[in-house]
């Protein structure tokens, strides 16, 4: 029974993420998840008929196996470490919690784009933004690069920060790992192209389900954060309510729309992916032109939103503790 431990680990992990982030070269669970997904895909495809139903079934098995294996490994590591020594268990779980969060890494990666733009080096900015977005970046102008970076910060405020915090508040680091496994699957196989149209359906739907509540909570927190950070809180709320349903995903536009409203700029719109133009609706109003400094503003909004998400997560964990200690593996 480890409620107090996993809340302490959540707090320490959050602090570690703000200070340390995700240092390059350190083993990371998400990379192992990616390797597991890549390793399972070929044999699963081979094990089922090469039909739409067969590909769907193969993807369904992947969507079950990867989160369960990820959760089981994380739970086993934390429980075993705790049995060796409670302080070791706390340390191990704190590190895992830290690795499930992306506040500092989001800021660091996006600010590389900002710094390149501030130096007038558009090619370097395109290269930097290509590391954090899925769209084609070679033809983007300054405004396009800026929008891409701001959108990434806004969208990942939910699935990279607030959502993992909420899941770890309920079930400790293992539940955060399970959430991140589903999120990683969606990013790898949840495409609507010919290769993954059927195979990735279950992973994409699972990601949608797990983000239904966190995305909406994140959007509301970002609106509150906008007011606290000196941005347009009312505008954030108005644009989020108006534009949140414009994306094909039922979740991704909440924080993007809130960010657009908070900064009083227009985000999203048509983009090229793998050389193909994809028509997407815009979010927000073009009250003013987007500018490189908006990347720094988006990061300020990210940090305030993450602090609110952290406070909410601690409150949820404390409330659950009122009903008795909660097993780590829940």
C-alpha atoms as a PDB file:
ATOM      1  CA  UNK A   1       0.000   0.000   0.000  1.00  0.00           C
ATOM      2  CA  UNK A   2       1.978   2.942  -1.333  1.00  0.00           C
ATOM      3  CA  UNK A   3      -0.193   6.006  -1.804  1.00  0.00           C
ATOM      4  CA  UNK A   4       2.061   8.220   0.306  1.00  0.00           C
ATOM      5  CA  UNK A   5       5.145   6.955  -1.525  1.00  0.00           C
ATOM      6  CA  UNK A   6       3.827   7.520  -5.018  1.00  0.00           C
ATOM      7  CA  UNK A   7       2.599  11.021  -4.161  1.00  0.00           C
ATOM      8  CA  UNK A   8       6.008  11.866  -2.740  1.00  0.00           C
ATOM      9  CA  UNK A   9       7.584  10.353  -5.866  1.00  0.00           C
ATOM     10  CA  UNK A  10       5.260  12.423  -8.031  1.00  0.00           C
ATOM     11  CA  UNK A  11       6.356  15.617  -6.256  1.00  0.00           C
ATOM     12  CA  UNK A  12      10.047  14.732  -6.484  1.00  0.00           C
ATOM     13  CA  UNK A  13       9.691  13.603 -10.092  1.00  0.00           C
ATOM     14  CA  UNK A  14       7.992  16.859 -11.046  1.00  0.00           C
ATOM     15  CA  UNK A  15      10.767  18.879  -9.384  1.00  0.00           C
ATOM     16  CA  UNK A  16      13.402  16.753 -11.140  1.00  0.00           C
ATOM     17  CA  UNK A  17      11.721  17.347 -14.484  1.00  0.00           C
ATOM     18  CA  UNK A  18      11.795  21.116 -13.974  1.00  0.00           C
ATOM     19  CA  UNK A  19      15.473  21.065 -13.006  1.00  0.00           C
ATOM     20  CA  UNK A  20      16.971  18.205 -15.023  1.00  0.00           C
ATOM     21  CA  UNK A  21      14.487  17.462 -17.791  1.00  0.00           C
ATOM     22  CA  UNK A  22      15.455  14.628 -20.129  1.00  0.00           C
ATOM     23  CA  UNK A  23      19.259  14.556 -20.471  1.00  0.00           C
ATOM     24  CA  UNK A  24      20.453  13.037 -23.745  1.00  0.00           C
ATOM     25  CA  UNK A  25      22.128   9.660 -23.426  1.00  0.00           C
ATOM     26  CA  UNK A  26      20.210   8.572 -20.306  1.00  0.00           C
ATOM     27  CA  UNK A  27      18.150   5.351 -20.777  1.00  0.00           C
ATOM     28  CA  UNK A  28      14.489   6.286 -21.124  1.00  0.00           C
ATOM     29  CA  UNK A  29      11.370   4.071 -20.848  1.00  0.00           C
ATOM     30  CA  UNK A  30       9.779   5.704 -23.904  1.00  0.00           C
ATOM     31  CA  UNK A  31      12.699   4.558 -26.066  1.00  0.00           C
ATOM     32  CA  UNK A  32      12.235   1.003 -24.779  1.00  0.00           C
ATOM     33  CA  UNK A  33       8.520   1.254 -25.543  1.00  0.00           C
ATOM     34  CA  UNK A  34       9.375   2.334 -29.078  1.00  0.00           C
ATOM     35  CA  UNK A  35      11.716  -0.627 -29.500  1.00  0.00           C
ATOM     36  CA  UNK A  36       9.050  -2.998 -28.195  1.00  0.00           C
ATOM     37  CA  UNK A  37       6.487  -1.611 -30.638  1.00  0.00           C
ATOM     38  CA  UNK A  38       8.933  -1.893 -33.541  1.00  0.00           C
ATOM     39  CA  UNK A  39       9.899  -5.434 -32.519  1.00  0.00           C
ATOM     40  CA  UNK A  40       6.293  -6.646 -32.198  1.00  0.00           C
ATOM     41  CA  UNK A  41       4.895  -5.126 -35.380  1.00  0.00           C
ATOM     42  CA  UNK A  42       6.461  -7.522 -37.966  1.00  0.00           C
ATOM     43  CA  UNK A  43       5.594 -10.814 -36.197  1.00  0.00           C
ATOM     44  CA  UNK A  44       2.082  -9.610 -35.382  1.00  0.00           C
ATOM     45  CA  UNK A  45       1.482  -8.640 -39.006  1.00  0.00           C
ATOM     46  CA  UNK A  46       2.808 -12.032 -40.106  1.00  0.00           C
ATOM     47  CA  UNK A  47       0.613 -13.908 -37.632  1.00  0.00           C
ATOM     48  CA  UNK A  48      -2.674 -12.571 -39.012  1.00  0.00           C
ATOM     49  CA  UNK A  49      -4.207 -12.637 -42.520  1.00  0.00           C
ATOM     50  CA  UNK A  50      -3.190  -9.752 -44.775  1.00  0.00           C
ATOM     51  CA  UNK A  51      -6.706  -8.351 -44.866  1.00  0.00           C
ATOM     52  CA  UNK A  52      -8.280  -5.311 -43.270  1.00  0.00           C
ATOM     53  CA  UNK A  53      -9.675  -7.463 -40.451  1.00  0.00           C
ATOM     54  CA  UNK A  54      -6.358  -9.244 -40.014  1.00  0.00           C
ATOM     55  CA  UNK A  55      -4.428  -5.985 -39.774  1.00  0.00           C
ATOM     56  CA  UNK A  56      -6.983  -4.629 -37.312  1.00  0.00           C
ATOM     57  CA  UNK A  57      -6.635  -7.750 -35.143  1.00  0.00           C
ATOM     58  CA  UNK A  58      -2.831  -7.564 -35.222  1.00  0.00           C
ATOM     59  CA  UNK A  59      -2.961  -3.928 -34.151  1.00  0.00           C
ATOM     60  CA  UNK A  60      -5.435  -4.778 -31.391  1.00  0.00           C
ATOM     61  CA  UNK A  61      -3.012  -7.330 -29.933  1.00  0.00           C
ATOM     62  CA  UNK A  62      -0.241  -4.711 -30.035  1.00  0.00           C
ATOM     63  CA  UNK A  63      -2.500  -2.189 -28.298  1.00  0.00           C
ATOM     64  CA  UNK A  64      -3.115  -4.661 -25.468  1.00  0.00           C
ATOM     65  CA  UNK A  65       0.372  -6.107 -25.066  1.00  0.00           C
ATOM     66  CA  UNK A  66       2.498  -2.936 -25.104  1.00  0.00           C
ATOM     67  CA  UNK A  67       0.663  -0.999 -22.337  1.00  0.00           C
ATOM     68  CA  UNK A  68       0.324  -4.085 -20.125  1.00  0.00           C
ATOM     69  CA  UNK A  69       3.983  -5.060 -20.484  1.00  0.00           C
ATOM     70  CA  UNK A  70       5.079  -1.466 -19.859  1.00  0.00           C
ATOM     71  CA  UNK A  71       2.885  -1.182 -16.758  1.00  0.00           C
ATOM     72  CA  UNK A  72       3.964  -4.587 -15.421  1.00  0.00           C
ATOM     73  CA  UNK A  73       7.672  -3.851 -15.819  1.00  0.00           C
ATOM     74  CA  UNK A  74       7.343  -0.436 -14.156  1.00  0.00           C
ATOM     75  CA  UNK A  75       5.277  -1.857 -11.278  1.00  0.00           C
ATOM     76  CA  UNK A  76       7.723  -4.731 -10.759  1.00  0.00           C
ATOM     77  CA  UNK A  77      10.751  -2.415 -10.720  1.00  0.00           C
ATOM     78  CA  UNK A  78       9.185  -0.013  -8.213  1.00  0.00           C
ATOM     79  CA  UNK A  79       7.789  -2.746  -5.954  1.00  0.00           C
ATOM     80  CA  UNK A  80      11.055  -4.707  -5.917  1.00  0.00           C
ATOM     81  CA  UNK A  81      13.081  -1.564  -5.191  1.00  0.00           C
ATOM     82  CA  UNK A  82      10.697  -0.697  -2.349  1.00  0.00           C
ATOM     83  CA  UNK A  83      11.045  -4.158  -0.844  1.00  0.00           C
ATOM     84  CA  UNK A  84      14.819  -3.797  -0.870  1.00  0.00           C
ATOM     85  CA  UNK A  85      14.575  -0.391   0.815  1.00  0.00           C
ATOM     86  CA  UNK A  86      11.702   2.124   0.995  1.00  0.00           C
ATOM     87  CA  UNK A  87      14.070   5.001   0.218  1.00  0.00           C
ATOM     88  CA  UNK A  88      15.361   3.151  -2.842  1.00  0.00           C
ATOM     89  CA  UNK A  89      11.777   2.593  -3.941  1.00  0.00           C
ATOM     90  CA  UNK A  90      11.033   6.298  -3.555  1.00  0.00           C
ATOM     91  CA  UNK A  91      14.144   7.216  -5.536  1.00  0.00           C
ATOM     92  CA  UNK A  92      13.376   4.773  -8.357  1.00  0.00           C
ATOM     93  CA  UNK A  93       9.742   5.847  -8.631  1.00  0.00           C
ATOM     94  CA  UNK A  94      10.728   9.521  -8.553  1.00  0.00           C
ATOM     95  CA  UNK A  95      13.067   9.011 -11.516  1.00  0.00           C
ATOM     96  CA  UNK A  96      10.361   7.149 -13.464  1.00  0.00           C
ATOM     97  CA  UNK A  97       7.861   9.945 -12.714  1.00  0.00           C
ATOM     98  CA  UNK A  98      10.393  12.478 -13.952  1.00  0.00           C
ATOM     99  CA  UNK A  99      10.855  10.528 -17.187  1.00  0.00           C
ATOM    100  CA  UNK A 100       7.111  10.547 -17.846  1.00  0.00           C
ATOM    101  CA  UNK A 101       7.069  14.364 -17.846  1.00  0.00           C
ATOM    102  CA  UNK A 102       8.331  16.748 -20.513  1.00  0.00           C
ATOM    103  CA  UNK A 103       8.058  20.301 -19.182  1.00  0.00           C
ATOM    104  CA  UNK A 104      11.733  21.237 -19.365  1.00  0.00           C
ATOM    105  CA  UNK A 105      12.476  19.235 -22.509  1.00  0.00           C
ATOM    106  CA  UNK A 106       9.563  20.918 -24.302  1.00  0.00           C
ATOM    107  CA  UNK A 107      10.912  24.309 -23.304  1.00  0.00           C
ATOM    108  CA  UNK A 108      14.497  23.461 -24.226  1.00  0.00           C
ATOM    109  CA  UNK A 109      13.661  22.045 -27.653  1.00  0.00           C
ATOM    110  CA  UNK A 110      11.246  24.826 -28.600  1.00  0.00           C
ATOM    111  CA  UNK A 111      13.565  27.560 -27.375  1.00  0.00           C
ATOM    112  CA  UNK A 112      16.244  26.244 -29.745  1.00  0.00           C
ATOM    113  CA  UNK A 113      13.819  27.211 -32.499  1.00  0.00           C
ATOM    114  CA  UNK A 114      13.280  30.613 -30.888  1.00  0.00           C
ATOM    115  CA  UNK A 115      17.000  31.264 -30.526  1.00  0.00           C
ATOM    116  CA  UNK A 116      17.688  30.341 -34.167  1.00  0.00           C
ATOM    117  CA  UNK A 117      14.929  32.674 -35.334  1.00  0.00           C
ATOM    118  CA  UNK A 118      16.201  35.442 -33.066  1.00  0.00           C
ATOM    119  CA  UNK A 119      19.633  35.035 -34.670  1.00  0.00           C
ATOM    120  CA  UNK A 120      18.083  35.285 -38.144  1.00  0.00           C
ATOM    121  CA  UNK A 121      19.086  31.702 -39.027  1.00  0.00           C
ATOM    122  CA  UNK A 122      15.953  30.329 -40.697  1.00  0.00           C
ATOM    123  CA  UNK A 123      17.583  27.066 -41.931  1.00  0.00           C
ATOM    124  CA  UNK A 124      18.723  26.283 -38.376  1.00  0.00           C
ATOM    125  CA  UNK A 125      15.239  27.097 -37.076  1.00  0.00           C
ATOM    126  CA  UNK A 126      13.677  24.766 -39.640  1.00  0.00           C
ATOM    127  CA  UNK A 127      16.040  21.994 -38.584  1.00  0.00           C
ATOM    128  CA  UNK A 128      15.333  22.603 -34.887  1.00  0.00           C
ATOM    129  CA  UNK A 129      11.571  22.582 -35.342  1.00  0.00           C
ATOM    130  CA  UNK A 130      11.761  19.417 -37.470  1.00  0.00           C
ATOM    131  CA  UNK A 131      12.954  17.619 -34.314  1.00  0.00           C
ATOM    132  CA  UNK A 132       9.698  18.306 -32.469  1.00  0.00           C
ATOM    133  CA  UNK A 133       6.985  18.277 -35.162  1.00  0.00           C
ATOM    134  CA  UNK A 134       5.764  15.726 -37.689  1.00  0.00           C
ATOM    135  CA  UNK A 135       5.101  18.080 -40.581  1.00  0.00           C
ATOM    136  CA  UNK A 136       7.473  18.970 -43.417  1.00  0.00           C
ATOM    137  CA  UNK A 137       9.534  21.989 -42.388  1.00  0.00           C
ATOM    138  CA  UNK A 138      11.787  22.663 -45.396  1.00  0.00           C
ATOM    139  CA  UNK A 139       9.470  25.237 -46.941  1.00  0.00           C
ATOM    140  CA  UNK A 140       8.294  27.008 -43.791  1.00  0.00           C
ATOM    141  CA  UNK A 141       8.846  30.731 -43.442  1.00  0.00           C
ATOM    142  CA  UNK A 142       9.496  32.480 -40.111  1.00  0.00           C
ATOM    143  CA  UNK A 143       5.790  32.593 -39.252  1.00  0.00           C
ATOM    144  CA  UNK A 144       5.327  28.943 -40.209  1.00  0.00           C
ATOM    145  CA  UNK A 145       8.258  27.802 -38.081  1.00  0.00           C
ATOM    146  CA  UNK A 146       6.989  29.874 -35.162  1.00  0.00           C
ATOM    147  CA  UNK A 147       3.464  28.482 -35.419  1.00  0.00           C
ATOM    148  CA  UNK A 148       4.780  24.920 -35.552  1.00  0.00           C
ATOM    149  CA  UNK A 149       6.830  25.416 -32.377  1.00  0.00           C
ATOM    150  CA  UNK A 150       3.997  27.156 -30.503  1.00  0.00           C
ATOM    151  CA  UNK A 151       1.494  24.459 -31.513  1.00  0.00           C
ATOM    152  CA  UNK A 152       3.838  21.718 -30.306  1.00  0.00           C
ATOM    153  CA  UNK A 153       4.310  23.383 -26.926  1.00  0.00           C
ATOM    154  CA  UNK A 154       0.559  23.891 -26.576  1.00  0.00           C
ATOM    155  CA  UNK A 155      -0.472  20.379 -27.644  1.00  0.00           C
ATOM    156  CA  UNK A 156       2.157  18.638 -25.529  1.00  0.00           C
ATOM    157  CA  UNK A 157       1.178  20.649 -22.473  1.00  0.00           C
ATOM    158  CA  UNK A 158      -1.561  18.049 -22.165  1.00  0.00           C
ATOM    159  CA  UNK A 159      -0.105  14.681 -23.203  1.00  0.00           C
ATOM    160  CA  UNK A 160       3.454  15.537 -22.137  1.00  0.00           C
ATOM    161  CA  UNK A 161       2.722  17.143 -18.768  1.00  0.00           C
ATOM    162  CA  UNK A 162      -0.803  17.380 -17.358  1.00  0.00           C
ATOM    163  CA  UNK A 163      -2.095  13.961 -18.468  1.00  0.00           C
ATOM    164  CA  UNK A 164       0.862  11.994 -17.021  1.00  0.00           C
ATOM    165  CA  UNK A 165       0.572  13.998 -13.790  1.00  0.00           C
ATOM    166  CA  UNK A 166      -3.095  13.071 -13.459  1.00  0.00           C
ATOM    167  CA  UNK A 167      -2.520   9.387 -14.143  1.00  0.00           C
ATOM    168  CA  UNK A 168       0.431   9.190 -11.760  1.00  0.00           C
ATOM    169  CA  UNK A 169      -1.661  10.875  -9.051  1.00  0.00           C
ATOM    170  CA  UNK A 170      -4.141   8.015  -9.353  1.00  0.00           C
ATOM    171  CA  UNK A 171      -1.834   5.029  -9.845  1.00  0.00           C
ATOM    172  CA  UNK A 172       1.746   6.049  -9.297  1.00  0.00           C
ATOM    173  CA  UNK A 173       4.543   5.824 -11.836  1.00  0.00           C
ATOM    174  CA  UNK A 174       3.285   2.498 -13.324  1.00  0.00           C
ATOM    175  CA  UNK A 175      -0.005   4.060 -14.424  1.00  0.00           C
ATOM    176  CA  UNK A 176       1.915   6.998 -15.859  1.00  0.00           C
ATOM    177  CA  UNK A 177       4.058   4.512 -17.788  1.00  0.00           C
ATOM    178  CA  UNK A 178       0.935   2.761 -19.106  1.00  0.00           C
ATOM    179  CA  UNK A 179      -0.425   6.103 -20.315  1.00  0.00           C
ATOM    180  CA  UNK A 180       2.872   6.983 -21.970  1.00  0.00           C
ATOM    181  CA  UNK A 181       2.985   3.564 -23.685  1.00  0.00           C
ATOM    182  CA  UNK A 182      -0.406   4.233 -25.282  1.00  0.00           C
ATOM    183  CA  UNK A 183       0.702   7.730 -26.253  1.00  0.00           C
ATOM    184  CA  UNK A 184       3.883   6.330 -27.826  1.00  0.00           C
ATOM    185  CA  UNK A 185       1.927   3.713 -29.764  1.00  0.00           C
ATOM    186  CA  UNK A 186      -0.334   6.395 -31.167  1.00  0.00           C
ATOM    187  CA  UNK A 187       2.657   8.477 -32.272  1.00  0.00           C
ATOM    188  CA  UNK A 188       4.216   5.457 -34.023  1.00  0.00           C
ATOM    189  CA  UNK A 189       1.290   3.553 -35.558  1.00  0.00           C
ATOM    190  CA  UNK A 190      -1.742   5.825 -35.173  1.00  0.00           C
ATOM    191  CA  UNK A 191      -1.512   7.254 -38.705  1.00  0.00           C
ATOM    192  CA  UNK A 192      -4.332   7.226 -41.237  1.00  0.00           C
ATOM    193  CA  UNK A 193      -2.091   6.245 -44.138  1.00  0.00           C
ATOM    194  CA  UNK A 194      -2.172   3.000 -46.111  1.00  0.00           C
ATOM    195  CA  UNK A 195       0.300   1.215 -43.824  1.00  0.00           C
ATOM    196  CA  UNK A 196      -1.404   1.978 -40.518  1.00  0.00           C
ATOM    197  CA  UNK A 197      -5.001   2.730 -41.468  1.00  0.00           C
ATOM    198  CA  UNK A 198      -6.185  -0.569 -39.910  1.00  0.00           C
ATOM    199  CA  UNK A 199      -3.203  -1.694 -37.867  1.00  0.00           C
ATOM    200  CA  UNK A 200      -3.091   1.512 -35.827  1.00  0.00           C
ATOM    201  CA  UNK A 201      -6.823   1.933 -35.258  1.00  0.00           C
ATOM    202  CA  UNK A 202      -6.922   0.428 -31.746  1.00  0.00           C
ATOM    203  CA  UNK A 203      -3.847   2.352 -30.596  1.00  0.00           C
ATOM    204  CA  UNK A 204      -5.316   5.627 -31.858  1.00  0.00           C
ATOM    205  CA  UNK A 205      -8.715   4.980 -30.265  1.00  0.00           C
ATOM    206  CA  UNK A 206      -7.108   3.954 -26.973  1.00  0.00           C
ATOM    207  CA  UNK A 207      -5.104   7.185 -26.957  1.00  0.00           C
ATOM    208  CA  UNK A 208      -8.285   9.156 -27.629  1.00  0.00           C
ATOM    209  CA  UNK A 209     -10.047   7.483 -24.694  1.00  0.00           C
ATOM    210  CA  UNK A 210      -7.188   7.985 -22.222  1.00  0.00           C
ATOM    211  CA  UNK A 211      -6.948  11.663 -23.180  1.00  0.00           C
ATOM    212  CA  UNK A 212     -10.657  12.505 -23.083  1.00  0.00           C
ATOM    213  CA  UNK A 213     -10.552  13.881 -19.526  1.00  0.00           C
ATOM    214  CA  UNK A 214      -6.920  15.115 -19.386  1.00  0.00           C
ATOM    215  CA  UNK A 215      -7.257  17.124 -22.603  1.00  0.00           C
ATOM    216  CA  UNK A 216     -10.266  19.008 -21.301  1.00  0.00           C
ATOM    217  CA  UNK A 217      -8.701  19.526 -17.889  1.00  0.00           C
ATOM    218  CA  UNK A 218      -5.507  20.755 -19.572  1.00  0.00           C
ATOM    219  CA  UNK A 219      -7.457  23.220 -21.674  1.00  0.00           C
ATOM    220  CA  UNK A 220      -9.226  24.631 -18.625  1.00  0.00           C
ATOM    221  CA  UNK A 221      -5.935  24.849 -16.705  1.00  0.00           C
ATOM    222  CA  UNK A 222      -4.301  26.646 -19.631  1.00  0.00           C
ATOM    223  CA  UNK A 223      -7.099  29.215 -19.653  1.00  0.00           C
ATOM    224  CA  UNK A 224      -6.585  29.797 -15.936  1.00  0.00           C
ATOM    225  CA  UNK A 225      -2.827  29.859 -16.490  1.00  0.00           C
ATOM    226  CA  UNK A 226      -3.236  32.463 -19.214  1.00  0.00           C
ATOM    227  CA  UNK A 227      -4.886  34.846 -16.772  1.00  0.00           C
ATOM    228  CA  UNK A 228      -2.261  34.179 -14.097  1.00  0.00           C
ATOM    229  CA  UNK A 229       0.611  34.643 -16.558  1.00  0.00           C
ATOM    230  CA  UNK A 230      -0.649  37.992 -17.805  1.00  0.00           C
ATOM    231  CA  UNK A 231      -2.131  36.780 -21.090  1.00  0.00           C
ATOM    232  CA  UNK A 232      -5.722  36.942 -22.319  1.00  0.00           C
ATOM    233  CA  UNK A 233      -7.506  34.467 -20.046  1.00  0.00           C
ATOM    234  CA  UNK A 234     -10.973  35.352 -21.298  1.00  0.00           C
ATOM    235  CA  UNK A 235      -9.808  35.096 -24.887  1.00  0.00           C
ATOM    236  CA  UNK A 236      -8.275  31.696 -24.169  1.00  0.00           C
ATOM    237  CA  UNK A 237     -11.578  30.428 -22.761  1.00  0.00           C
ATOM    238  CA  UNK A 238     -13.618  31.909 -25.631  1.00  0.00           C
ATOM    239  CA  UNK A 239     -11.408  30.481 -28.371  1.00  0.00           C
ATOM    240  CA  UNK A 240     -11.129  27.090 -26.668  1.00  0.00           C
ATOM    241  CA  UNK A 241     -14.906  26.796 -26.451  1.00  0.00           C
ATOM    242  CA  UNK A 242     -15.313  27.940 -30.049  1.00  0.00           C
ATOM    243  CA  UNK A 243     -12.497  26.041 -31.783  1.00  0.00           C
ATOM    244  CA  UNK A 244     -11.795  22.926 -29.687  1.00  0.00           C
ATOM    245  CA  UNK A 245     -13.791  20.661 -32.027  1.00  0.00           C
ATOM    246  CA  UNK A 246     -12.091  21.755 -35.239  1.00  0.00           C
ATOM    247  CA  UNK A 247      -9.416  19.037 -35.212  1.00  0.00           C
ATOM    248  CA  UNK A 248     -10.111  15.474 -36.341  1.00  0.00           C
ATOM    249  CA  UNK A 249      -8.811  14.303 -32.954  1.00  0.00           C
ATOM    250  CA  UNK A 250     -11.388  14.751 -30.183  1.00  0.00           C
ATOM    251  CA  UNK A 251      -8.668  15.982 -27.816  1.00  0.00           C
ATOM    252  CA  UNK A 252      -5.721  17.778 -29.400  1.00  0.00           C
ATOM    253  CA  UNK A 253      -7.321  21.159 -30.094  1.00  0.00           C
ATOM    254  CA  UNK A 254      -8.227  22.042 -26.499  1.00  0.00           C
ATOM    255  CA  UNK A 255      -4.816  23.335 -25.454  1.00  0.00           C
ATOM    256  CA  UNK A 256      -3.908  24.579 -28.934  1.00  0.00           C
ATOM    257  CA  UNK A 257      -7.085  26.652 -29.111  1.00  0.00           C
ATOM    258  CA  UNK A 258      -6.586  27.925 -25.556  1.00  0.00           C
ATOM    259  CA  UNK A 259      -3.012  28.941 -26.392  1.00  0.00           C
ATOM    260  CA  UNK A 260      -4.132  30.701 -29.579  1.00  0.00           C
ATOM    261  CA  UNK A 261      -6.729  32.658 -27.619  1.00  0.00           C
ATOM    262  CA  UNK A 262      -4.310  33.476 -24.814  1.00  0.00           C
ATOM    263  CA  UNK A 263      -1.695  34.865 -27.217  1.00  0.00           C
ATOM    264  CA  UNK A 264      -4.278  36.434 -29.569  1.00  0.00           C
ATOM    265  CA  UNK A 265      -2.808  34.737 -32.637  1.00  0.00           C
ATOM    266  CA  UNK A 266      -4.001  32.269 -35.252  1.00  0.00           C
ATOM    267  CA  UNK A 267      -2.535  28.770 -35.164  1.00  0.00           C
ATOM    268  CA  UNK A 268      -2.839  25.547 -37.204  1.00  0.00           C
ATOM    269  CA  UNK A 269      -4.070  25.665 -40.810  1.00  0.00           C
ATOM    270  CA  UNK A 270      -2.825  23.745 -43.853  1.00  0.00           C
ATOM    271  CA  UNK A 271       0.488  21.872 -43.568  1.00  0.00           C
ATOM    272  CA  UNK A 272       2.554  19.451 -45.616  1.00  0.00           C
ATOM    273  CA  UNK A 273       3.154  15.929 -44.298  1.00  0.00           C
ATOM    274  CA  UNK A 274       5.490  13.604 -46.221  1.00  0.00           C
ATOM    275  CA  UNK A 275       5.160  15.859 -49.258  1.00  0.00           C
ATOM    276  CA  UNK A 276       1.359  15.879 -49.211  1.00  0.00           C
ATOM    277  CA  UNK A 277      -0.725  18.962 -48.416  1.00  0.00           C
ATOM    278  CA  UNK A 278      -3.141  18.335 -45.550  1.00  0.00           C
ATOM    279  CA  UNK A 279      -5.974  20.834 -45.166  1.00  0.00           C
ATOM    280  CA  UNK A 280      -6.604  21.686 -41.518  1.00  0.00           C
ATOM    281  CA  UNK A 281      -8.807  24.400 -39.999  1.00  0.00           C
ATOM    282  CA  UNK A 282      -7.250  27.337 -38.214  1.00  0.00           C
ATOM    283  CA  UNK A 283      -7.542  27.979 -34.488  1.00  0.00           C
ATOM    284  CA  UNK A 284      -7.946  31.430 -32.976  1.00  0.00           C
ATOM    285  CA  UNK A 285      -8.195  34.892 -34.478  1.00  0.00           C
ATOM    286  CA  UNK A 286      -5.359  36.769 -36.185  1.00  0.00           C
ATOM    287  CA  UNK A 287      -5.621  39.737 -33.823  1.00  0.00           C
ATOM    288  CA  UNK A 288      -1.910  40.240 -34.450  1.00  0.00           C
ATOM    289  CA  UNK A 289       0.730  38.448 -36.543  1.00  0.00           C
ATOM    290  CA  UNK A 290       2.524  35.531 -34.954  1.00  0.00           C
ATOM    291  CA  UNK A 291       6.161  36.350 -34.061  1.00  0.00           C
ATOM    292  CA  UNK A 292       9.165  34.386 -32.720  1.00  0.00           C
ATOM    293  CA  UNK A 293       8.676  35.797 -29.217  1.00  0.00           C
ATOM    294  CA  UNK A 294       5.413  33.828 -29.098  1.00  0.00           C
ATOM    295  CA  UNK A 295       7.488  30.675 -28.571  1.00  0.00           C
ATOM    296  CA  UNK A 296       8.815  32.111 -25.307  1.00  0.00           C
ATOM    297  CA  UNK A 297       5.287  33.226 -24.390  1.00  0.00           C
ATOM    298  CA  UNK A 298       3.924  29.751 -25.069  1.00  0.00           C
ATOM    299  CA  UNK A 299       6.578  28.306 -22.775  1.00  0.00           C
ATOM    300  CA  UNK A 300       5.631  30.699 -19.989  1.00  0.00           C
ATOM    301  CA  UNK A 301       2.059  29.525 -20.428  1.00  0.00           C
ATOM    302  CA  UNK A 302       3.282  25.902 -20.398  1.00  0.00           C
ATOM    303  CA  UNK A 303       5.051  26.339 -17.069  1.00  0.00           C
ATOM    304  CA  UNK A 304       2.097  28.005 -15.355  1.00  0.00           C
ATOM    305  CA  UNK A 305      -0.227  25.317 -16.730  1.00  0.00           C
ATOM    306  CA  UNK A 306       2.110  22.585 -15.503  1.00  0.00           C
ATOM    307  CA  UNK A 307       2.198  24.100 -12.013  1.00  0.00           C
ATOM    308  CA  UNK A 308      -1.594  24.161 -11.919  1.00  0.00           C
ATOM    309  CA  UNK A 309      -1.673  20.568 -13.177  1.00  0.00           C
ATOM    310  CA  UNK A 310       0.799  19.530 -10.490  1.00  0.00           C
ATOM    311  CA  UNK A 311      -1.290  21.180  -7.764  1.00  0.00           C
ATOM    312  CA  UNK A 312      -4.434  19.487  -9.073  1.00  0.00           C
ATOM    313  CA  UNK A 313      -2.668  16.119  -9.189  1.00  0.00           C
ATOM    314  CA  UNK A 314      -1.540  16.408  -5.576  1.00  0.00           C
ATOM    315  CA  UNK A 315      -5.101  17.326  -4.578  1.00  0.00           C
ATOM    316  CA  UNK A 316      -6.474  14.273  -6.400  1.00  0.00           C
ATOM    317  CA  UNK A 317      -3.918  11.985  -4.782  1.00  0.00           C
ATOM    318  CA  UNK A 318      -4.638  13.428  -1.349  1.00  0.00           C
ATOM    319  CA  UNK A 319      -8.406  13.012  -1.884  1.00  0.00           C
ATOM    320  CA  UNK A 320      -7.919   9.373  -2.893  1.00  0.00           C
ATOM    321  CA  UNK A 321      -5.848   8.873   0.251  1.00  0.00           C
ATOM    322  CA  UNK A 322      -8.825   9.948   2.372  1.00  0.00           C
ATOM    323  CA  UNK A 323     -10.495   6.665   1.413  1.00  0.00           C
ATOM    324  CA  UNK A 324      -7.502   4.624   2.553  1.00  0.00           C
ATOM    325  CA  UNK A 325      -4.162   3.691   1.079  1.00  0.00           C
ATOM    326  CA  UNK A 326      -4.343   2.848  -2.626  1.00  0.00           C
ATOM    327  CA  UNK A 327      -2.221  -0.027  -3.978  1.00  0.00           C
ATOM    328  CA  UNK A 328       0.474   1.066  -6.393  1.00  0.00           C
ATOM    329  CA  UNK A 329      -0.708  -1.330  -9.056  1.00  0.00           C
ATOM    330  CA  UNK A 330      -4.191   0.204  -9.368  1.00  0.00           C
END
